[in-house]
Amino acid sequence: MATPSIETARGWRGRVMVDRDRNRIGEVVDIYLDNETDRPEWAVVRTGLFGLRSTFAPLAEATEVGEQVQIGHQRAQVKDAPNIEPDGQLSQAEEAELYRH
């Protein structure tokens, strides 16, 4: 599976993201592009009981399943990702930290 197109990924804003077992992760609120390839790399997902926390989820291999967006990782792995503020752009250090996780 390939990374989704920019148009496809942008259409995922407002949709629910689920993990590989179809467990709810949260709502997709933004899409981050790779600085070098301009391909959709990460989704900012609003998680938590009241949607108060945001986390980054990788979009490689993400697919549409009905109205939901499914990724190939487990919910716990996404929710335990490093806490990085979604401020419009990931630094190389922040992106490296997410990849290591």
C-alpha atoms as a PDB file:
ATOM      1  CA  MET A   1       0.000   0.000   0.000  1.00  0.00           C
ATOM      2  CA  ALA A   2       1.159   3.495  -0.748  1.00  0.00           C
ATOM      3  CA  THR A   3       0.774   6.804   1.009  1.00  0.00           C
ATOM      4  CA  PRO A   4      -2.560   8.430   0.093  1.00  0.00           C
ATOM      5  CA  SER A   5      -2.705  11.385  -2.279  1.00  0.00           C
ATOM      6  CA  ILE A   6      -2.937  14.919  -0.894  1.00  0.00           C
ATOM      7  CA  GLU A   7      -6.542  15.217  -2.098  1.00  0.00           C
ATOM      8  CA  THR A   8      -7.543  11.929  -0.464  1.00  0.00           C
ATOM      9  CA  ALA A   9      -5.824  12.740   2.838  1.00  0.00           C
ATOM     10  CA  ARG A  10      -7.302  16.256   3.011  1.00  0.00           C
ATOM     11  CA  GLY A  11     -10.736  14.689   2.565  1.00  0.00           C
ATOM     12  CA  TRP A  12     -10.140  12.718   5.762  1.00  0.00           C
ATOM     13  CA  ARG A  13     -10.357  15.798   7.990  1.00  0.00           C
ATOM     14  CA  GLY A  14     -13.295  15.412  10.337  1.00  0.00           C
ATOM     15  CA  ARG A  15     -13.414  11.634   9.928  1.00  0.00           C
ATOM     16  CA  VAL A  16     -12.828   9.049  12.638  1.00  0.00           C
ATOM     17  CA  MET A  17      -9.488   7.228  12.575  1.00  0.00           C
ATOM     18  CA  VAL A  18      -9.407   3.585  13.677  1.00  0.00           C
ATOM     19  CA  ASP A  19      -6.530   1.218  14.323  1.00  0.00           C
ATOM     20  CA  ARG A  20      -5.777  -2.058  12.545  1.00  0.00           C
ATOM     21  CA  ASP A  21      -8.363  -3.825  14.727  1.00  0.00           C
ATOM     22  CA  ARG A  22     -10.996  -1.123  14.006  1.00  0.00           C
ATOM     23  CA  ASN A  23     -10.705   0.393  17.510  1.00  0.00           C
ATOM     24  CA  ARG A  24     -11.475   4.122  17.556  1.00  0.00           C
ATOM     25  CA  ILE A  25      -8.418   6.380  17.916  1.00  0.00           C
ATOM     26  CA  GLY A  26     -10.013   9.790  17.421  1.00  0.00           C
ATOM     27  CA  GLU A  27     -10.973  12.461  14.900  1.00  0.00           C
ATOM     28  CA  VAL A  28      -8.614  13.563  12.127  1.00  0.00           C
ATOM     29  CA  VAL A  29      -8.203  17.333  12.504  1.00  0.00           C
ATOM     30  CA  ASP A  30      -5.217  18.082  10.255  1.00  0.00           C
ATOM     31  CA  ILE A  31      -2.833  16.561   7.716  1.00  0.00           C
ATOM     32  CA  TYR A  32       0.928  17.166   7.653  1.00  0.00           C
ATOM     33  CA  LEU A  33       2.906  16.818   4.429  1.00  0.00           C
ATOM     34  CA  ASP A  34       6.483  15.616   4.085  1.00  0.00           C
ATOM     35  CA  ASN A  35       8.663  18.683   3.444  1.00  0.00           C
ATOM     36  CA  GLU A  36      10.691  16.948   0.725  1.00  0.00           C
ATOM     37  CA  THR A  37       8.060  14.947  -1.138  1.00  0.00           C
ATOM     38  CA  ASP A  38       4.880  16.967  -0.425  1.00  0.00           C
ATOM     39  CA  ARG A  39       3.142  13.635   0.282  1.00  0.00           C
ATOM     40  CA  PRO A  40       0.765  13.249   3.264  1.00  0.00           C
ATOM     41  CA  GLU A  41       2.929  11.878   6.076  1.00  0.00           C
ATOM     42  CA  TRP A  42       1.047  12.398   9.351  1.00  0.00           C
ATOM     43  CA  ALA A  43      -2.473  13.035  10.583  1.00  0.00           C
ATOM     44  CA  VAL A  44      -3.169  15.073  13.703  1.00  0.00           C
ATOM     45  CA  VAL A  45      -5.800  13.114  15.603  1.00  0.00           C
ATOM     46  CA  ARG A  46      -7.865  14.528  18.463  1.00  0.00           C
ATOM     47  CA  THR A  47      -7.993  11.827  21.133  1.00  0.00           C
ATOM     48  CA  GLY A  48      -9.038  11.423  24.721  1.00  0.00           C
ATOM     49  CA  LEU A  49     -12.390  11.281  26.410  1.00  0.00           C
ATOM     50  CA  PHE A  50     -13.278  14.869  25.549  1.00  0.00           C
ATOM     51  CA  GLY A  51     -10.990  15.299  22.540  1.00  0.00           C
ATOM     52  CA  LEU A  52      -8.621  17.445  24.576  1.00  0.00           C
ATOM     53  CA  ARG A  53      -5.374  15.825  23.408  1.00  0.00           C
ATOM     54  CA  SER A  54      -3.908  15.745  19.938  1.00  0.00           C
ATOM     55  CA  THR A  55      -1.464  13.158  18.696  1.00  0.00           C
ATOM     56  CA  PHE A  56       0.246  12.344  15.418  1.00  0.00           C
ATOM     57  CA  ALA A  57      -0.558   9.169  13.500  1.00  0.00           C
ATOM     58  CA  PRO A  58       1.395   7.935  10.451  1.00  0.00           C
ATOM     59  CA  LEU A  59      -0.486   7.933   7.159  1.00  0.00           C
ATOM     60  CA  ALA A  60       1.687   5.395   5.349  1.00  0.00           C
ATOM     61  CA  GLU A  61      -0.662   2.551   4.417  1.00  0.00           C
ATOM     62  CA  ALA A  62      -3.759   4.415   5.679  1.00  0.00           C
ATOM     63  CA  THR A  63      -6.950   3.414   3.887  1.00  0.00           C
ATOM     64  CA  GLU A  64     -10.614   4.329   3.846  1.00  0.00           C
ATOM     65  CA  VAL A  65     -12.957   1.793   5.423  1.00  0.00           C
ATOM     66  CA  GLY A  66     -16.436   3.134   4.872  1.00  0.00           C
ATOM     67  CA  GLU A  67     -16.446   6.608   6.427  1.00  0.00           C
ATOM     68  CA  GLN A  68     -13.457   5.835   8.661  1.00  0.00           C
ATOM     69  CA  VAL A  69      -9.716   6.051   8.105  1.00  0.00           C
ATOM     70  CA  GLN A  70      -7.832   2.910   9.125  1.00  0.00           C
ATOM     71  CA  ILE A  71      -4.121   2.762   9.885  1.00  0.00           C
ATOM     72  CA  GLY A  72      -1.907  -0.279  10.380  1.00  0.00           C
ATOM     73  CA  HIS A  73      -0.936   0.483  13.968  1.00  0.00           C
ATOM     74  CA  GLN A  74      -2.598  -0.242  17.289  1.00  0.00           C
ATOM     75  CA  ARG A  75      -4.509   2.451  19.163  1.00  0.00           C
ATOM     76  CA  ALA A  76      -2.237   2.246  22.222  1.00  0.00           C
ATOM     77  CA  GLN A  77       0.828   2.872  20.069  1.00  0.00           C
ATOM     78  CA  VAL A  78      -0.712   6.041  18.624  1.00  0.00           C
ATOM     79  CA  LYS A  79      -1.958   7.295  21.983  1.00  0.00           C
ATOM     80  CA  ASP A  80       1.470   6.695  23.567  1.00  0.00           C
ATOM     81  CA  ALA A  81       3.267   8.671  20.855  1.00  0.00           C
ATOM     82  CA  PRO A  82       5.483  11.572  21.943  1.00  0.00           C
ATOM     83  CA  ASN A  83       3.462  14.659  22.812  1.00  0.00           C
ATOM     84  CA  ILE A  84       4.306  17.198  20.103  1.00  0.00           C
ATOM     85  CA  GLU A  85       2.279  20.372  19.658  1.00  0.00           C
ATOM     86  CA  PRO A  86       0.613  20.533  16.236  1.00  0.00           C
ATOM     87  CA  ASP A  87       1.860  23.955  15.147  1.00  0.00           C
ATOM     88  CA  GLY A  88       1.746  23.628  11.377  1.00  0.00           C
ATOM     89  CA  GLN A  89       5.090  21.957  10.774  1.00  0.00           C
ATOM     90  CA  LEU A  90       7.167  19.170  12.298  1.00  0.00           C
ATOM     91  CA  SER A  91      10.854  19.805  12.829  1.00  0.00           C
ATOM     92  CA  GLN A  92      13.255  17.082  11.710  1.00  0.00           C
ATOM     93  CA  ALA A  93      13.911  16.235  15.368  1.00  0.00           C
ATOM     94  CA  GLU A  94      10.173  15.942  16.128  1.00  0.00           C
ATOM     95  CA  GLU A  95       9.598  13.752  13.090  1.00  0.00           C
ATOM     96  CA  ALA A  96      12.556  11.542  14.012  1.00  0.00           C
ATOM     97  CA  GLU A  97      11.133  11.168  17.523  1.00  0.00           C
ATOM     98  CA  LEU A  98       7.770  10.056  16.096  1.00  0.00           C
ATOM     99  CA  TYR A  99       9.426   7.555  13.731  1.00  0.00           C
ATOM    100  CA  ARG A 100      11.478   6.076  16.593  1.00  0.00           C
ATOM    101  CA  HIS A 101       8.278   5.550  18.556  1.00  0.00           C
END
